[in-house]
Amino acid sequence: MGPQREVFELRVPCTTVRTETEWVKTVEPGWNVLVGPGEIAAAATRAPPEESNAAPYGDGRAAQRVVEALATK
């Protein structure tokens, strides 16, 4: 995991100075914005996006569900 995904999970706005990212699911809901060098100040001072329950990377309970699934077999 990298900083872009970590701040998404913590719901902290992230400004990435790049034209693309591997973590596109952090950009779609607005928690991460991609900017060029001339856009950093505006992006860094923007308002945070609207709160949501979005969990595109899961809820952190995958191991528990695997154990439960194996226990029922």
PDB file of N, CA and C in Angstrom:
ATOM      1  N   MET A   1       0.852  -1.163   0.000  1.00  0.00           N
ATOM      2  CA  MET A   1       0.000   0.000   0.000  1.00  0.00           C
ATOM      3  C   MET A   1       0.906   1.237   0.000  1.00  0.00           C
ATOM      4  N   GLY A   2       0.430   2.312  -0.617  1.00  0.00           N
ATOM      5  CA  GLY A   2       1.195   3.549  -0.663  1.00  0.00           C
ATOM      6  C   GLY A   2       0.432   4.687  -0.026  1.00  0.00           C
ATOM      7  N   PRO A   3       1.067   5.847   0.086  1.00  0.00           N
ATOM      8  CA  PRO A   3       0.422   6.993   0.734  1.00  0.00           C
ATOM      9  C   PRO A   3      -0.928   7.368   0.122  1.00  0.00           C
ATOM     10  N   GLN A   4      -1.076   7.276  -1.193  1.00  0.00           N
ATOM     11  CA  GLN A   4      -2.351   7.648  -1.809  1.00  0.00           C
ATOM     12  C   GLN A   4      -3.482   6.780  -1.292  1.00  0.00           C
ATOM     13  N   ARG A   5      -3.246   5.519  -1.164  1.00  0.00           N
ATOM     14  CA  ARG A   5      -4.297   4.634  -0.671  1.00  0.00           C
ATOM     15  C   ARG A   5      -4.483   4.798   0.836  1.00  0.00           C
ATOM     16  N   GLU A   6      -3.409   4.971   1.564  1.00  0.00           N
ATOM     17  CA  GLU A   6      -3.513   5.126   3.017  1.00  0.00           C
ATOM     18  C   GLU A   6      -4.338   6.359   3.387  1.00  0.00           C
ATOM     19  N   VAL A   7      -4.070   7.485   2.728  1.00  0.00           N
ATOM     20  CA  VAL A   7      -4.851   8.675   3.076  1.00  0.00           C
ATOM     21  C   VAL A   7      -6.300   8.534   2.636  1.00  0.00           C
ATOM     22  N   PHE A   8      -6.538   7.773   1.565  1.00  0.00           N
ATOM     23  CA  PHE A   8      -7.921   7.501   1.163  1.00  0.00           C
ATOM     24  C   PHE A   8      -8.633   6.730   2.274  1.00  0.00           C
ATOM     25  N   GLU A   9      -7.999   5.703   2.797  1.00  0.00           N
ATOM     26  CA  GLU A   9      -8.598   4.895   3.856  1.00  0.00           C
ATOM     27  C   GLU A   9      -8.864   5.738   5.105  1.00  0.00           C
ATOM     28  N   LEU A  10      -8.020   6.723   5.364  1.00  0.00           N
ATOM     29  CA  LEU A  10      -8.183   7.604   6.527  1.00  0.00           C
ATOM     30  C   LEU A  10      -9.072   8.800   6.224  1.00  0.00           C
ATOM     31  N   ARG A  11      -9.494   8.929   4.965  1.00  0.00           N
ATOM     32  CA  ARG A  11     -10.336  10.041   4.495  1.00  0.00           C
ATOM     33  C   ARG A  11      -9.640  11.389   4.710  1.00  0.00           C
ATOM     34  N   VAL A  12      -8.398  11.439   4.267  1.00  0.00           N
ATOM     35  CA  VAL A  12      -7.610  12.673   4.271  1.00  0.00           C
ATOM     36  C   VAL A  12      -7.384  13.046   2.808  1.00  0.00           C
ATOM     37  N   PRO A  13      -7.715  14.266   2.404  1.00  0.00           N
ATOM     38  CA  PRO A  13      -7.496  14.653   1.010  1.00  0.00           C
ATOM     39  C   PRO A  13      -6.024  14.513   0.619  1.00  0.00           C
ATOM     40  N   CYS A  14      -5.791  14.041  -0.593  1.00  0.00           N
ATOM     41  CA  CYS A  14      -4.441  13.807  -1.101  1.00  0.00           C
ATOM     42  C   CYS A  14      -4.265  14.552  -2.424  1.00  0.00           C
ATOM     43  N   THR A  15      -3.114  15.175  -2.585  1.00  0.00           N
ATOM     44  CA  THR A  15      -2.769  15.838  -3.839  1.00  0.00           C
ATOM     45  C   THR A  15      -1.554  15.119  -4.401  1.00  0.00           C
ATOM     46  N   THR A  16      -1.697  14.544  -5.574  1.00  0.00           N
ATOM     47  CA  THR A  16      -0.626  13.795  -6.209  1.00  0.00           C
ATOM     48  C   THR A  16      -0.108  14.579  -7.408  1.00  0.00           C
ATOM     49  N   VAL A  17       1.166  14.898  -7.390  1.00  0.00           N
ATOM     50  CA  VAL A  17       1.759  15.677  -8.466  1.00  0.00           C
ATOM     51  C   VAL A  17       2.252  14.704  -9.534  1.00  0.00           C
ATOM     52  N   ARG A  18       1.289  14.233 -10.296  1.00  0.00           N
ATOM     53  CA  ARG A  18       1.521  13.299 -11.397  1.00  0.00           C
ATOM     54  C   ARG A  18       0.346  13.419 -12.345  1.00  0.00           C
ATOM     55  N   THR A  19       0.511  12.901 -13.542  1.00  0.00           N
ATOM     56  CA  THR A  19      -0.582  12.915 -14.508  1.00  0.00           C
ATOM     57  C   THR A  19      -1.394  11.628 -14.481  1.00  0.00           C
ATOM     58  N   GLU A  20      -0.899  10.614 -13.786  1.00  0.00           N
ATOM     59  CA  GLU A  20      -1.625   9.343 -13.670  1.00  0.00           C
ATOM     60  C   GLU A  20      -1.270   8.691 -12.353  1.00  0.00           C
ATOM     61  N   THR A  21      -2.094   7.714 -11.959  1.00  0.00           N
ATOM     62  CA  THR A  21      -1.852   6.991 -10.713  1.00  0.00           C
ATOM     63  C   THR A  21      -2.328   5.559 -10.853  1.00  0.00           C
ATOM     64  N   GLU A  22      -1.709   4.694 -10.110  1.00  0.00           N
ATOM     65  CA  GLU A  22      -2.141   3.293 -10.053  1.00  0.00           C
ATOM     66  C   GLU A  22      -3.369   3.150  -9.167  1.00  0.00           C
ATOM     67  N   TRP A  23      -3.611   4.153  -8.325  1.00  0.00           N
ATOM     68  CA  TRP A  23      -4.701   4.109  -7.352  1.00  0.00           C
ATOM     69  C   TRP A  23      -5.891   4.928  -7.851  1.00  0.00           C
ATOM     70  N   VAL A  24      -6.411   4.576  -9.015  1.00  0.00           N
ATOM     71  CA  VAL A  24      -7.504   5.346  -9.619  1.00  0.00           C
ATOM     72  C   VAL A  24      -8.753   5.390  -8.745  1.00  0.00           C
ATOM     73  N   LYS A  25      -8.942   4.390  -7.921  1.00  0.00           N
ATOM     74  CA  LYS A  25     -10.127   4.371  -7.060  1.00  0.00           C
ATOM     75  C   LYS A  25     -10.058   5.424  -5.955  1.00  0.00           C
ATOM     76  N   THR A  26      -8.894   6.040  -5.753  1.00  0.00           N
ATOM     77  CA  THR A  26      -8.792   7.139  -4.801  1.00  0.00           C
ATOM     78  C   THR A  26      -9.149   8.462  -5.465  1.00  0.00           C
ATOM     79  N   VAL A  27      -9.068   8.502  -6.793  1.00  0.00           N
ATOM     80  CA  VAL A  27      -9.361   9.716  -7.552  1.00  0.00           C
ATOM     81  C   VAL A  27     -10.861   9.839  -7.821  1.00  0.00           C
ATOM     82  N   GLU A  28     -11.500   8.737  -8.154  1.00  0.00           N
ATOM     83  CA  GLU A  28     -12.918   8.752  -8.539  1.00  0.00           C
ATOM     84  C   GLU A  28     -13.824   9.421  -7.505  1.00  0.00           C
ATOM     85  N   PRO A  29     -13.689   9.136  -6.196  1.00  0.00           N
ATOM     86  CA  PRO A  29     -14.554   9.817  -5.220  1.00  0.00           C
ATOM     87  C   PRO A  29     -14.033  11.194  -4.795  1.00  0.00           C
ATOM     88  N   GLY A  30     -12.886  11.621  -5.316  1.00  0.00           N
ATOM     89  CA  GLY A  30     -12.391  12.962  -5.039  1.00  0.00           C
ATOM     90  C   GLY A  30     -11.409  13.102  -3.891  1.00  0.00           C
ATOM     91  N   TRP A  31     -11.028  12.013  -3.242  1.00  0.00           N
ATOM     92  CA  TRP A  31     -10.095  12.103  -2.122  1.00  0.00           C
ATOM     93  C   TRP A  31      -8.666  12.325  -2.595  1.00  0.00           C
ATOM     94  N   ASN A  32      -8.388  12.015  -3.827  1.00  0.00           N
ATOM     95  CA  ASN A  32      -7.067  12.209  -4.401  1.00  0.00           C
ATOM     96  C   ASN A  32      -7.250  12.967  -5.713  1.00  0.00           C
ATOM     97  N   VAL A  33      -6.447  14.005  -5.922  1.00  0.00           N
ATOM     98  CA  VAL A  33      -6.488  14.713  -7.205  1.00  0.00           C
ATOM     99  C   VAL A  33      -5.102  14.695  -7.814  1.00  0.00           C
ATOM    100  N   LEU A  34      -5.065  14.543  -9.120  1.00  0.00           N
ATOM    101  CA  LEU A  34      -3.814  14.548  -9.865  1.00  0.00           C
ATOM    102  C   LEU A  34      -3.606  15.941 -10.430  1.00  0.00           C
ATOM    103  N   VAL A  35      -2.430  16.503 -10.211  1.00  0.00           N
ATOM    104  CA  VAL A  35      -2.162  17.867 -10.653  1.00  0.00           C
ATOM    105  C   VAL A  35      -0.773  17.982 -11.264  1.00  0.00           C
ATOM    106  N   GLY A  36      -0.611  19.045 -12.056  1.00  0.00           N
ATOM    107  CA  GLY A  36       0.699  19.420 -12.559  1.00  0.00           C
ATOM    108  C   GLY A  36       1.344  20.376 -11.576  1.00  0.00           C
ATOM    109  N   PRO A  37       2.624  20.694 -11.784  1.00  0.00           N
ATOM    110  CA  PRO A  37       3.339  21.569 -10.854  1.00  0.00           C
ATOM    111  C   PRO A  37       2.669  22.926 -10.608  1.00  0.00           C
ATOM    112  N   GLY A  38       1.999  23.494 -11.592  1.00  0.00           N
ATOM    113  CA  GLY A  38       1.371  24.794 -11.423  1.00  0.00           C
ATOM    114  C   GLY A  38       0.036  24.760 -10.704  1.00  0.00           C
ATOM    115  N   GLU A  39      -0.452  23.585 -10.358  1.00  0.00           N
ATOM    116  CA  GLU A  39      -1.776  23.448  -9.755  1.00  0.00           C
ATOM    117  C   GLU A  39      -1.737  23.010  -8.292  1.00  0.00           C
ATOM    118  N   ILE A  40      -0.559  22.878  -7.728  1.00  0.00           N
ATOM    119  CA  ILE A  40      -0.403  22.310  -6.381  1.00  0.00           C
ATOM    120  C   ILE A  40      -1.122  23.142  -5.324  1.00  0.00           C
ATOM    121  N   ALA A  41      -0.907  24.433  -5.303  1.00  0.00           N
ATOM    122  CA  ALA A  41      -1.494  25.283  -4.253  1.00  0.00           C
ATOM    123  C   ALA A  41      -3.013  25.204  -4.252  1.00  0.00           C
ATOM    124  N   ALA A  42      -3.625  25.311  -5.415  1.00  0.00           N
ATOM    125  CA  ALA A  42      -5.089  25.252  -5.494  1.00  0.00           C
ATOM    126  C   ALA A  42      -5.613  23.893  -5.036  1.00  0.00           C
ATOM    127  N   ALA A  43      -4.956  22.831  -5.446  1.00  0.00           N
ATOM    128  CA  ALA A  43      -5.411  21.488  -5.082  1.00  0.00           C
ATOM    129  C   ALA A  43      -5.224  21.223  -3.593  1.00  0.00           C
ATOM    130  N   ALA A  44      -4.124  21.703  -3.034  1.00  0.00           N
ATOM    131  CA  ALA A  44      -3.819  21.437  -1.627  1.00  0.00           C
ATOM    132  C   ALA A  44      -4.745  22.200  -0.680  1.00  0.00           C
ATOM    133  N   THR A  45      -5.354  23.261  -1.158  1.00  0.00           N
ATOM    134  CA  THR A  45      -6.233  24.057  -0.289  1.00  0.00           C
ATOM    135  C   THR A  45      -7.711  23.826  -0.594  1.00  0.00           C
ATOM    136  N   ARG A  46      -8.015  22.854  -1.410  1.00  0.00           N
ATOM    137  CA  ARG A  46      -9.411  22.576  -1.770  1.00  0.00           C
ATOM    138  C   ARG A  46     -10.168  21.986  -0.574  1.00  0.00           C
ATOM    139  N   ALA A  47     -11.458  22.099  -0.623  1.00  0.00           N
ATOM    140  CA  ALA A  47     -12.305  21.492   0.417  1.00  0.00           C
ATOM    141  C   ALA A  47     -12.317  19.981   0.230  1.00  0.00           C
ATOM    142  N   PRO A  48     -12.429  19.231   1.313  1.00  0.00           N
ATOM    143  CA  PRO A  48     -12.500  17.775   1.172  1.00  0.00           C
ATOM    144  C   PRO A  48     -13.800  17.368   0.484  1.00  0.00           C
ATOM    145  N   PRO A  49     -13.796  16.231  -0.182  1.00  0.00           N
ATOM    146  CA  PRO A  49     -15.031  15.765  -0.818  1.00  0.00           C
ATOM    147  C   PRO A  49     -16.064  15.340   0.225  1.00  0.00           C
ATOM    148  N   GLU A  50     -17.259  15.123  -0.244  1.00  0.00           N
ATOM    149  CA  GLU A  50     -18.340  14.687   0.637  1.00  0.00           C
ATOM    150  C   GLU A  50     -18.010  13.312   1.225  1.00  0.00           C
ATOM    151  N   GLU A  51     -18.260  13.150   2.526  1.00  0.00           N
ATOM    152  CA  GLU A  51     -18.027  11.873   3.201  1.00  0.00           C
ATOM    153  C   GLU A  51     -18.852  10.777   2.560  1.00  0.00           C
ATOM    154  N   SER A  52     -18.305   9.566   2.550  1.00  0.00           N
ATOM    155  CA  SER A  52     -19.044   8.421   2.027  1.00  0.00           C
ATOM    156  C   SER A  52     -18.552   7.160   2.721  1.00  0.00           C
ATOM    157  N   ASN A  53     -19.270   6.094   2.501  1.00  0.00           N
ATOM    158  CA  ASN A  53     -18.889   4.786   3.032  1.00  0.00           C
ATOM    159  C   ASN A  53     -18.127   3.978   1.994  1.00  0.00           C
ATOM    160  N   ALA A  54     -17.694   4.618   0.927  1.00  0.00           N
ATOM    161  CA  ALA A  54     -17.016   3.909  -0.153  1.00  0.00           C
ATOM    162  C   ALA A  54     -15.843   3.100   0.388  1.00  0.00           C
ATOM    163  N   ALA A  55     -15.761   1.855  -0.014  1.00  0.00           N
ATOM    164  CA  ALA A  55     -14.670   0.973   0.395  1.00  0.00           C
ATOM    165  C   ALA A  55     -14.240   0.137  -0.815  1.00  0.00           C
ATOM    166  N   PRO A  56     -13.728   0.784  -1.859  1.00  0.00           N
ATOM    167  CA  PRO A  56     -13.383   0.040  -3.073  1.00  0.00           C
ATOM    168  C   PRO A  56     -12.268  -0.976  -2.881  1.00  0.00           C
ATOM    169  N   TYR A  57     -11.522  -0.868  -1.793  1.00  0.00           N
ATOM    170  CA  TYR A  57     -10.438  -1.813  -1.527  1.00  0.00           C
ATOM    171  C   TYR A  57     -10.827  -2.835  -0.462  1.00  0.00           C
ATOM    172  N   GLY A  58     -12.086  -2.883  -0.100  1.00  0.00           N
ATOM    173  CA  GLY A  58     -12.543  -3.842   0.893  1.00  0.00           C
ATOM    174  C   GLY A  58     -12.696  -3.203   2.263  1.00  0.00           C
ATOM    175  N   ASP A  59     -13.114  -4.012   3.226  1.00  0.00           N
ATOM    176  CA  ASP A  59     -13.372  -3.489   4.571  1.00  0.00           C
ATOM    177  C   ASP A  59     -12.347  -3.961   5.601  1.00  0.00           C
ATOM    178  N   GLY A  60     -11.297  -4.635   5.155  1.00  0.00           N
ATOM    179  CA  GLY A  60     -10.264  -5.096   6.070  1.00  0.00           C
ATOM    180  C   GLY A  60     -10.592  -6.396   6.782  1.00  0.00           C
ATOM    181  N   ARG A  61     -11.666  -7.060   6.374  1.00  0.00           N
ATOM    182  CA  ARG A  61     -12.087  -8.286   7.055  1.00  0.00           C
ATOM    183  C   ARG A  61     -11.959  -9.528   6.177  1.00  0.00           C
ATOM    184  N   ALA A  62     -11.157  -9.476   5.132  1.00  0.00           N
ATOM    185  CA  ALA A  62     -11.041 -10.601   4.203  1.00  0.00           C
ATOM    186  C   ALA A  62     -10.528 -11.862   4.905  1.00  0.00           C
ATOM    187  N   ALA A  63      -9.498 -11.729   5.726  1.00  0.00           N
ATOM    188  CA  ALA A  63      -8.937 -12.905   6.409  1.00  0.00           C
ATOM    189  C   ALA A  63      -9.983 -13.564   7.304  1.00  0.00           C
ATOM    190  N   GLN A  64     -10.759 -12.766   8.012  1.00  0.00           N
ATOM    191  CA  GLN A  64     -11.795 -13.315   8.882  1.00  0.00           C
ATOM    192  C   GLN A  64     -12.824 -14.096   8.067  1.00  0.00           C
ATOM    193  N   ARG A  65     -13.218 -13.555   6.923  1.00  0.00           N
ATOM    194  CA  ARG A  65     -14.200 -14.253   6.092  1.00  0.00           C
ATOM    195  C   ARG A  65     -13.634 -15.538   5.509  1.00  0.00           C
ATOM    196  N   VAL A  66     -12.344 -15.571   5.171  1.00  0.00           N
ATOM    197  CA  VAL A  66     -11.714 -16.783   4.661  1.00  0.00           C
ATOM    198  C   VAL A  66     -11.740 -17.858   5.736  1.00  0.00           C
ATOM    199  N   VAL A  67     -11.350 -17.500   6.961  1.00  0.00           N
ATOM    200  CA  VAL A  67     -11.347 -18.450   8.075  1.00  0.00           C
ATOM    201  C   VAL A  67     -12.747 -18.993   8.314  1.00  0.00           C
ATOM    202  N   GLU A  68     -13.744 -18.107   8.299  1.00  0.00           N
ATOM    203  CA  GLU A  68     -15.124 -18.551   8.508  1.00  0.00           C
ATOM    204  C   GLU A  68     -15.568 -19.486   7.379  1.00  0.00           C
ATOM    205  N   ALA A  69     -15.210 -19.195   6.161  1.00  0.00           N
ATOM    206  CA  ALA A  69     -15.586 -20.039   5.024  1.00  0.00           C
ATOM    207  C   ALA A  69     -14.916 -21.411   5.135  1.00  0.00           C
ATOM    208  N   LEU A  70     -13.655 -21.441   5.535  1.00  0.00           N
ATOM    209  CA  LEU A  70     -12.957 -22.714   5.667  1.00  0.00           C
ATOM    210  C   LEU A  70     -13.494 -23.531   6.834  1.00  0.00           C
ATOM    211  N   ALA A  71     -13.922 -22.865   7.875  1.00  0.00           N
ATOM    212  CA  ALA A  71     -14.441 -23.552   9.054  1.00  0.00           C
ATOM    213  C   ALA A  71     -15.782 -24.230   8.778  1.00  0.00           C
ATOM    214  N   THR A  72     -16.515 -23.754   7.781  1.00  0.00           N
ATOM    215  CA  THR A  72     -17.819 -24.342   7.490  1.00  0.00           C
ATOM    216  C   THR A  72     -17.719 -25.505   6.509  1.00  0.00           C
ATOM    217  N   LYS A  73     -16.558 -25.796   6.031  1.00  0.00           N
ATOM    218  CA  LYS A  73     -16.405 -26.886   5.051  1.00  0.00           C
ATOM    219  C   LYS A  73     -16.032 -28.166   5.721  1.00  0.00           C
TER     220      LYS A  73
END
